[in-house]
N, C-alpha and C. Protein backbone atom coordinates (compact mmCIF):
# COMPACT_ATOMS: atom_id res chain seq x y z
N MET A 1 -9.97 11.93 -10.45
CA MET A 1 -8.98 11.16 -9.72
C MET A 1 -7.69 11.14 -10.53
N ARG A 2 -6.58 11.29 -9.86
CA ARG A 2 -5.28 11.30 -10.53
C ARG A 2 -4.81 9.89 -10.84
N ASN A 3 -3.81 9.80 -11.71
CA ASN A 3 -3.27 8.50 -12.10
C ASN A 3 -1.91 8.22 -11.49
N ARG A 4 -1.55 8.91 -10.42
CA ARG A 4 -0.27 8.68 -9.76
C ARG A 4 -0.48 8.62 -8.26
N GLU A 5 0.56 8.22 -7.56
CA GLU A 5 0.48 8.13 -6.10
C GLU A 5 0.40 9.53 -5.48
N ALA A 6 -0.28 9.63 -4.36
CA ALA A 6 -0.36 10.90 -3.63
C ALA A 6 0.97 11.16 -2.94
N ASP A 7 1.45 12.40 -3.02
CA ASP A 7 2.72 12.78 -2.39
C ASP A 7 2.51 13.44 -1.03
N THR A 8 1.31 13.93 -0.79
CA THR A 8 1.02 14.60 0.48
C THR A 8 -0.29 14.07 1.04
N LEU A 9 -0.52 14.34 2.30
CA LEU A 9 -1.76 13.93 2.94
C LEU A 9 -2.96 14.61 2.28
N ASP A 10 -2.80 15.87 1.91
CA ASP A 10 -3.89 16.58 1.24
C ASP A 10 -4.26 15.92 -0.09
N GLU A 11 -3.25 15.48 -0.85
CA GLU A 11 -3.53 14.79 -2.11
C GLU A 11 -4.22 13.46 -1.87
N LEU A 12 -3.81 12.76 -0.82
CA LEU A 12 -4.45 11.49 -0.49
C LEU A 12 -5.91 11.69 -0.12
N ILE A 13 -6.19 12.71 0.67
CA ILE A 13 -7.57 13.01 1.06
C ILE A 13 -8.39 13.37 -0.18
N ASP A 14 -7.82 14.17 -1.07
CA ASP A 14 -8.52 14.52 -2.31
C ASP A 14 -8.84 13.28 -3.13
N ASP A 15 -7.87 12.36 -3.22
CA ASP A 15 -8.10 11.12 -3.96
C ASP A 15 -9.23 10.31 -3.34
N CYS A 16 -9.24 10.22 -2.02
CA CYS A 16 -10.25 9.41 -1.34
C CYS A 16 -11.64 10.00 -1.47
N THR A 17 -11.75 11.30 -1.50
CA THR A 17 -13.07 11.91 -1.63
C THR A 17 -13.60 11.78 -3.05
N ALA A 18 -12.72 11.43 -4.00
CA ALA A 18 -13.14 11.26 -5.38
C ALA A 18 -13.65 9.84 -5.65
N LEU A 19 -13.61 8.96 -4.64
CA LEU A 19 -14.07 7.59 -4.82
C LEU A 19 -15.60 7.58 -4.99
N PRO A 20 -16.10 6.70 -5.84
CA PRO A 20 -17.56 6.58 -5.97
C PRO A 20 -18.19 6.13 -4.65
N ALA A 21 -19.41 6.51 -4.42
CA ALA A 21 -20.10 6.21 -3.16
C ALA A 21 -20.16 4.72 -2.88
N GLU A 22 -20.30 3.88 -3.91
CA GLU A 22 -20.41 2.43 -3.67
C GLU A 22 -19.10 1.83 -3.18
N LEU A 23 -17.99 2.55 -3.28
CA LEU A 23 -16.71 2.05 -2.78
C LEU A 23 -16.34 2.62 -1.41
N ARG A 24 -17.13 3.54 -0.92
CA ARG A 24 -16.85 4.14 0.39
C ARG A 24 -17.45 3.28 1.50
N PRO A 25 -16.82 3.28 2.67
CA PRO A 25 -17.37 2.50 3.78
C PRO A 25 -18.73 3.03 4.21
N THR A 26 -19.54 2.14 4.74
CA THR A 26 -20.86 2.54 5.22
C THR A 26 -20.93 2.27 6.72
N ALA A 27 -21.98 2.75 7.33
CA ALA A 27 -22.18 2.53 8.76
C ALA A 27 -22.74 1.14 9.03
N LYS A 28 -23.10 0.42 7.96
CA LYS A 28 -23.68 -0.90 8.11
C LYS A 28 -22.63 -1.87 8.68
N ALA A 29 -22.99 -2.60 9.72
CA ALA A 29 -22.06 -3.54 10.35
C ALA A 29 -21.87 -4.77 9.47
N LEU A 30 -20.67 -5.30 9.48
CA LEU A 30 -20.38 -6.53 8.74
C LEU A 30 -20.90 -7.73 9.52
N PRO A 31 -21.32 -8.79 8.83
CA PRO A 31 -21.77 -9.98 9.55
C PRO A 31 -20.61 -10.65 10.27
N ALA A 32 -20.92 -11.30 11.36
CA ALA A 32 -19.88 -12.01 12.13
C ALA A 32 -19.37 -13.19 11.31
N PRO A 33 -18.08 -13.48 11.41
CA PRO A 33 -17.55 -14.62 10.65
C PRO A 33 -18.12 -15.93 11.17
N GLY A 34 -18.25 -16.89 10.28
CA GLY A 34 -18.75 -18.21 10.67
C GLY A 34 -17.67 -19.03 11.35
N ALA A 35 -18.05 -20.14 11.89
CA ALA A 35 -17.09 -21.02 12.56
C ALA A 35 -16.17 -21.66 11.51
N ALA A 36 -14.91 -21.80 11.87
CA ALA A 36 -13.94 -22.42 10.96
C ALA A 36 -14.14 -23.93 10.93
N SER A 37 -13.88 -24.50 9.77
CA SER A 37 -13.95 -25.96 9.65
C SER A 37 -12.77 -26.58 10.39
N PRO A 38 -12.96 -27.77 10.96
CA PRO A 38 -11.84 -28.43 11.61
C PRO A 38 -10.73 -28.70 10.60
N TRP A 39 -9.50 -28.54 11.05
CA TRP A 39 -8.36 -28.74 10.17
C TRP A 39 -7.89 -30.18 10.29
N GLN A 40 -7.66 -30.81 9.14
CA GLN A 40 -7.21 -32.19 9.13
C GLN A 40 -6.09 -32.36 8.12
N VAL A 41 -5.15 -33.23 8.42
CA VAL A 41 -4.06 -33.54 7.51
C VAL A 41 -4.44 -34.79 6.73
N THR A 42 -4.45 -34.68 5.42
CA THR A 42 -4.77 -35.83 4.58
C THR A 42 -3.51 -36.65 4.33
N ASP A 43 -3.68 -37.85 3.88
CA ASP A 43 -2.53 -38.70 3.56
C ASP A 43 -1.69 -38.07 2.45
N ALA A 44 -2.33 -37.46 1.48
CA ALA A 44 -1.60 -36.81 0.38
C ALA A 44 -0.75 -35.66 0.90
N CYS A 45 -1.28 -34.91 1.83
CA CYS A 45 -0.53 -33.80 2.42
C CYS A 45 0.66 -34.32 3.23
N ALA A 46 0.44 -35.33 4.05
CA ALA A 46 1.51 -35.90 4.86
C ALA A 46 2.59 -36.51 3.97
N ALA A 47 2.22 -37.09 2.83
CA ALA A 47 3.19 -37.71 1.94
C ALA A 47 4.16 -36.68 1.36
N GLN A 48 3.74 -35.44 1.26
CA GLN A 48 4.60 -34.40 0.71
C GLN A 48 5.79 -34.10 1.63
N VAL A 49 5.66 -34.37 2.91
CA VAL A 49 6.74 -34.06 3.87
C VAL A 49 7.33 -35.31 4.51
N ASP A 50 7.04 -36.48 3.97
CA ASP A 50 7.57 -37.73 4.55
C ASP A 50 9.07 -37.72 4.68
N ASP A 51 9.77 -37.22 3.66
CA ASP A 51 11.23 -37.24 3.67
C ASP A 51 11.83 -35.91 4.11
N LEU A 52 11.08 -35.11 4.82
CA LEU A 52 11.56 -33.80 5.24
C LEU A 52 12.82 -33.91 6.11
N ASP A 53 12.92 -34.93 6.96
CA ASP A 53 14.09 -35.07 7.82
C ASP A 53 15.38 -35.16 7.00
N ALA A 54 15.33 -35.66 5.81
CA ALA A 54 16.52 -35.77 4.95
C ALA A 54 17.03 -34.40 4.54
N TYR A 55 16.18 -33.38 4.55
CA TYR A 55 16.58 -32.04 4.11
C TYR A 55 16.93 -31.13 5.27
N VAL A 56 16.67 -31.51 6.48
CA VAL A 56 16.90 -30.64 7.64
C VAL A 56 18.30 -30.78 8.15
């Protein structure tokens, strides 16, 4: 593998084929993402923008 950026598509392909097998994509499907936690504003977070109107 070279130590500089690829200048052509052929060089990029050569660089990619030199990657170790454990870094190459596999046919294995990724797990589905889990549900996001509900978003809440804490008092500390709200206090950071209490005086925002003074700057607008």
